[in-house]
Protein backbone atom coordinates (compact mmCIF):
# COMPACT_ATOMS: atom_id res chain seq x y z
CA MET A 1 -5.98 -1.53 -16.96
CA TYR A 2 -4.84 1.20 -14.60
CA VAL A 3 -1.80 3.33 -15.34
CA LYS A 4 0.15 5.08 -12.62
CA PHE A 5 3.24 7.16 -13.22
CA LEU A 6 6.17 6.98 -10.89
CA SER A 7 6.17 10.28 -9.03
CA THR A 8 8.34 8.35 -6.56
CA TYR A 9 10.75 6.01 -8.32
CA GLY A 10 9.57 2.43 -8.06
CA GLU A 11 6.31 3.46 -6.40
CA ASP A 12 4.17 0.53 -7.53
CA PRO A 13 6.34 -2.34 -8.87
CA SER A 14 8.27 -2.54 -5.58
CA PRO A 15 5.14 -2.78 -3.35
CA ARG A 16 3.82 -5.54 -5.61
CA GLU A 17 6.96 -7.59 -5.02
CA CYS A 18 6.99 -6.76 -1.31
CA VAL A 19 3.45 -8.11 -0.72
CA ARG A 20 4.36 -11.24 -2.69
CA ILE A 21 7.36 -11.82 -0.43
CA LEU A 22 5.21 -11.10 2.65
CA ASP A 23 2.60 -13.52 1.21
CA PHE A 24 -0.22 -10.96 1.52
CA ARG A 25 -1.24 -11.27 -2.16
CA ARG A 26 -3.65 -8.34 -2.12
CA VAL A 27 -2.07 -6.06 -4.71
CA PRO A 28 -3.17 -6.21 -8.37
CA PRO A 29 -0.52 -7.46 -10.84
CA VAL A 30 1.87 -4.58 -11.57
CA ALA A 31 4.73 -4.09 -14.04
CA GLY A 32 6.96 -1.12 -14.75
CA ARG A 33 7.02 0.32 -18.28
CA LEU A 34 8.40 3.26 -20.26
CA VAL A 35 5.37 5.11 -21.66
CA ASN A 36 5.10 7.65 -24.47
CA MET A 37 2.69 10.24 -23.00
CA THR A 38 1.81 11.71 -26.39
CA ARG A 39 1.25 8.62 -28.49
CA GLU A 40 0.00 6.20 -25.82
CA ILE A 41 -2.10 8.50 -23.62
CA ARG A 42 -2.94 11.97 -24.89
CA ASP A 43 -3.67 10.99 -28.50
CA VAL A 44 -5.77 7.93 -27.64
CA THR A 45 -7.66 8.84 -24.46
CA ARG A 46 -11.45 9.19 -24.61
CA ASP A 47 -11.49 10.96 -21.26
CA LYS A 48 -11.96 14.63 -22.13
CA LYS A 49 -11.28 15.77 -18.56
CA LEU A 50 -7.92 13.99 -18.59
CA TRP A 51 -7.10 15.33 -22.07
CA ARG A 52 -7.66 18.93 -20.93
CA THR A 53 -5.00 18.59 -18.22
CA PHE A 54 -2.17 18.05 -20.73
CA PHE A 55 0.14 21.01 -21.33
CA ILE A 56 3.67 21.86 -22.48
CA SER A 57 6.04 23.03 -19.74
CA PRO A 58 8.49 25.94 -20.04
CA ALA A 59 11.19 23.30 -20.58
CA ASN A 60 9.20 22.08 -23.60
CA ASN A 61 8.19 18.79 -21.97
CA ILE A 62 4.74 17.18 -22.21
CA CYS A 63 2.98 17.27 -18.82
CA PHE A 64 -0.41 16.39 -17.33
CA TYR A 65 -1.98 16.27 -13.88
CA GLY A 66 -5.29 14.40 -14.30
CA GLU A 67 -8.14 14.53 -11.77
CA CYS A 68 -8.05 13.38 -8.15
CA SER A 69 -8.85 14.49 -4.61
CA TYR A 70 -5.26 15.36 -3.69
CA TYR A 71 -2.43 17.17 -5.48
CA CYS A 72 -3.91 17.18 -9.00
CA SER A 73 -2.80 20.58 -10.27
CA THR A 74 -0.19 22.18 -12.50
CA GLU A 75 2.04 22.53 -9.40
CA HIS A 76 2.07 18.73 -9.04
CA ALA A 77 2.06 17.75 -12.70
CA LEU A 78 3.86 14.74 -14.16
CA CYS A 79 6.22 15.60 -16.98
CA GLY A 80 8.04 13.50 -19.55
CA LYS A 81 11.46 13.94 -21.15
CA PRO A 82 10.19 15.30 -23.47
CA ASP A 83 7.22 12.93 -23.53
CA GLN A 84 8.72 9.68 -22.19
CA ILE A 85 7.92 8.75 -18.60
CA GLU A 86 8.41 5.68 -16.43
CA GLY A 87 5.14 4.28 -15.18
CA SER A 88 3.54 1.24 -13.65
CA LEU A 89 0.69 -0.69 -15.25
CA ALA A 90 -1.70 -2.45 -12.90
CA ALA A 91 -4.38 -4.90 -14.00
CA PHE A 92 -7.67 -4.47 -12.13
CA LEU A 93 -9.31 -7.89 -12.05
CA PRO A 94 -12.24 -8.18 -12.12
CA ASP A 95 -13.51 -5.04 -13.80
CA LEU A 96 -15.54 -2.54 -11.76
CA SER A 97 -18.61 -3.38 -13.84
CA LEU A 98 -18.40 -6.97 -12.56
CA ALA A 99 -17.25 -6.40 -9.00
CA LYS A 100 -17.95 -3.08 -7.34
CA ARG A 101 -15.54 -1.88 -4.68
CA LYS A 102 -16.25 0.02 -1.48
CA THR A 103 -13.94 2.75 -0.20
CA TRP A 104 -13.23 2.99 3.53
CA ARG A 105 -11.53 5.74 5.50
CA ASN A 106 -8.38 4.40 7.16
CA PRO A 107 -8.79 4.73 10.95
CA TRP A 108 -5.05 5.35 11.24
CA ARG A 109 -4.66 7.90 8.47
CA ARG A 110 -2.33 10.83 9.11
CA SER A 111 -3.80 14.26 9.77
CA TYR A 112 -2.53 16.05 6.61
CA HIS A 113 -2.24 19.17 8.80
CA LYS A 114 1.02 20.92 9.67
CA ARG A 115 0.08 21.59 13.31
CA LYS A 116 -2.80 19.22 14.10
CA LYS A 117 -2.17 15.61 15.11
CA ALA A 118 -4.44 12.72 14.11
CA GLU A 119 -6.86 11.41 16.76
CA TRP A 120 -4.95 8.15 17.15
CA GLU A 121 -1.81 10.12 18.05
CA VAL A 122 -3.40 11.85 21.05
CA ASP A 123 -6.11 9.48 22.31
CA PRO A 124 -4.69 6.48 24.26
CA ASP A 125 -8.08 4.70 24.05
CA TYR A 126 -8.46 5.20 20.30
CA CYS A 127 -7.47 1.63 19.37
CA GLU A 128 -10.02 0.09 21.76
CA GLU A 129 -12.72 2.38 20.37
CA VAL A 130 -11.94 1.30 16.80
CA LYS A 131 -12.06 -2.39 17.75
CA GLN A 132 -15.60 -1.94 19.10
CA THR A 133 -16.79 -0.20 15.92
CA PRO A 134 -18.09 -2.05 12.81
CA PRO A 135 -16.58 -3.45 10.63
CA TYR A 136 -13.57 -3.81 12.95
CA ASP A 137 -15.50 -5.57 15.75
CA SER A 138 -15.80 -8.89 13.89
CA GLY A 139 -14.10 -10.99 11.23
CA THR A 140 -10.50 -10.34 10.18
CA ARG A 141 -10.75 -6.66 9.20
CA ILE A 142 -8.66 -5.37 12.12
CA LEU A 143 -5.96 -7.94 11.32
CA ASP A 144 -6.05 -6.95 7.64
CA ILE A 145 -5.51 -3.33 8.71
CA MET A 146 -2.49 -4.37 10.74
CA ASP A 147 -0.99 -6.28 7.80
CA MET A 148 -1.54 -3.22 5.62
CA THR A 149 0.06 -0.94 8.23
CA VAL A 150 3.19 -3.12 8.43
CA PHE A 151 3.37 -3.22 4.63
CA ASP A 152 3.02 0.58 4.35
CA PHE A 153 5.73 1.16 6.97
CA LEU A 154 8.17 -1.18 5.22
CA MET A 155 7.56 0.62 1.91
CA GLY A 156 7.61 4.12 3.44
CA ASN A 157 4.02 4.83 2.38
CA MET A 158 2.55 7.56 4.62
CA ASP A 159 -0.42 8.29 2.39
CA ARG A 160 -2.89 5.45 3.09
CA HIS A 161 -5.86 7.74 3.79
CA HIS A 162 -8.40 5.23 2.40
CA TYR A 163 -8.54 1.57 1.40
CA GLU A 164 -10.92 -0.54 -0.69
CA THR A 165 -12.76 -3.86 -0.40
CA PHE A 166 -15.07 -5.83 -2.70
CA GLU A 167 -18.60 -4.63 -1.97
CA LYS A 168 -20.36 -7.93 -2.72
CA PHE A 169 -18.77 -9.85 0.16
CA GLY A 170 -19.48 -7.35 2.93
CA ASN A 171 -17.10 -7.90 5.84
CA GLU A 172 -16.15 -11.39 4.60
CA THR A 173 -13.55 -9.95 2.23
CA PHE A 174 -9.98 -8.69 2.23
CA ILE A 175 -8.41 -5.28 1.82
CA ILE A 176 -7.20 -4.50 -1.70
CA HIS A 177 -3.83 -2.73 -1.52
CA LEU A 178 -4.14 0.01 -4.09
CA ASP A 179 -2.03 3.17 -4.79
CA ASN A 180 -0.11 1.68 -2.58
CA GLY A 181 -2.70 -2.81 14.15
CA ARG A 182 -3.14 -3.15 17.05
CA GLY A 183 -2.54 -6.88 17.10
CA ILE A 184 -0.93 -8.98 14.36
CA ARG A 185 -1.54 -12.33 12.65
CA LYS A 186 0.71 -15.18 13.75
CA SER A 187 1.40 -16.02 10.09
CA THR A 188 2.48 -12.42 9.46
CA TYR A 189 4.63 -12.30 12.59
CA LEU A 190 6.43 -15.56 11.72
CA ARG A 191 7.09 -14.39 8.16
CA LEU A 192 8.49 -11.06 9.37
CA GLN A 193 10.79 -12.90 11.75
CA LEU A 194 11.96 -15.11 8.89
CA LEU A 195 12.67 -12.09 6.68
CA ALA A 196 14.86 -10.62 9.41
CA LYS A 197 17.23 -13.61 9.21
CA GLU A 198 20.40 -13.17 7.18
CA GLU A 199 19.67 -16.09 4.83
CA TYR A 200 16.17 -14.78 3.98
CA LYS A 201 16.87 -11.05 4.27
CA LEU A 202 14.02 -8.89 2.98
CA SER A 203 16.33 -6.54 1.06
CA LEU A 204 18.04 -9.42 -0.76
CA LEU A 205 14.74 -11.03 -1.77
CA MET A 206 13.39 -7.67 -2.96
CA LYS A 207 16.53 -6.93 -4.98
CA GLU A 208 16.42 -10.32 -6.70
CA SER A 209 12.70 -10.11 -7.44
CA LEU A 210 12.81 -6.57 -8.87
CA LEU A 211 15.58 -7.46 -11.35
CA LYS A 212 12.87 -9.03 -13.54
CA ASP A 213 11.10 -5.70 -14.16
CA LYS A 214 11.65 -3.90 -17.47
CA ILE A 215 12.57 -0.61 -15.76
CA ALA A 216 15.01 -2.18 -13.29
CA PRO A 217 16.69 -1.12 -11.11
CA ILE A 218 13.53 -0.11 -9.22
CA LEU A 219 15.12 0.48 -5.81
CA TYR A 220 18.68 1.49 -5.03
CA GLN A 221 20.68 -0.12 -2.22
CA PRO A 222 19.92 2.61 0.39
CA HIS A 223 16.18 2.02 -0.20
CA LEU A 224 16.60 -1.73 0.27
CA GLU A 225 18.63 -1.27 3.44
CA ALA A 226 15.91 1.07 4.77
CA MET A 227 13.39 -1.77 4.44
CA ASP A 228 15.57 -3.99 6.65
CA ARG A 229 15.77 -1.21 9.28
CA ARG A 230 12.00 -0.73 9.22
CA LEU A 231 11.48 -4.46 9.57
CA ARG A 232 13.62 -4.46 12.71
CA ILE A 233 11.56 -1.56 14.09
CA VAL A 234 8.30 -3.48 13.46
CA LEU A 235 9.62 -6.62 15.17
CA LYS A 236 10.89 -4.56 18.13
CA ALA A 237 7.47 -2.91 18.52
CA VAL A 238 5.69 -6.28 18.46
CA SER A 239 8.24 -7.73 20.91
CA ASP A 240 7.66 -4.82 23.31
CA CYS A 241 3.89 -5.36 23.13
CA ILE A 242 4.32 -9.10 23.81
CA GLU A 243 6.56 -8.39 26.80
CA LYS A 244 3.98 -5.96 28.19
CA ASP A 245 0.69 -7.74 27.44
CA GLY A 246 1.63 -11.35 26.74
CA TYR A 247 1.95 -13.30 23.47
CA ASP A 248 -1.70 -14.40 23.24
CA SER A 249 -2.94 -10.84 23.76
CA VAL A 250 -0.88 -9.49 20.88
CA VAL A 251 -0.54 -12.30 18.32
CA GLU A 252 -3.73 -13.74 16.78
CA ASN A 253 -3.38 -17.43 15.90
CA ASP A 254 -4.81 -17.55 12.37
CA PHE A 255 -3.69 -21.12 11.63
CA ASN A 256 -6.62 -23.50 11.10
CA THR A 257 -9.01 -20.77 12.24
CA ASP A 258 -12.41 -20.12 10.69
CA VAL A 259 -12.69 -16.55 9.44
CA ASN A 260 -15.92 -16.11 11.41
CA THR A 261 -14.32 -17.09 14.74
CA VAL A 262 -11.55 -14.50 14.77
CA THR A 263 -12.06 -12.13 17.66
CA THR A 264 -10.85 -8.63 18.46
CA GLU A 265 -10.82 -9.07 22.22
CA ARG A 266 -7.40 -7.57 22.79
């Protein structure tokens, strides 16, 4: 079981419902919960490194910051009121001891620098170079990256610096969307078009689905409306690419297609 606290309200339950609606099904089961940081974490953890990061803030609230590569410090601590905090619980199935995962650097990660742009922002040939580089030169990996990119844009996630896959299956696997391209699957494109229709509006489906969570409401109406705007932007970008390069050059027909026959010749 993995516990993540909502530094951004609705950070994990809402992506879980979004990928279900998009039919990606690559996010572990997630549910929102109200957690007692003292009784349910600090007093029961066996992780000494985690335990040492707990402290009491000047406002007399229980806080901790854990250990990670980015932003784990007292300046970015998570604090309860006084020790209650909303969090999301994600089930990792199977366990790491049974199925090891491999971490990959996202080719389209942002630069994390105030003045320096990422390579993909300045190199017009960057996409073609990625498509000729393993593991993106075969299988469905490049299409999986594009699905993930659309998903991240809809959710407003600008922090996908890495992603994970199951190690055992090599390149014959899928991307696991945790902590939640240049070409798009036909199935994804058709579903996005459907979700732009008034009767199947993405924001309405998200609102209805998130009502089931114990810490509802997860997203407020402005957040839901932002998803509809982002969806229109995605569809406009794909439409522009189709108009420029042709439908078959942009949209990969993944219906009745063997995973080993998918090409990246775009």
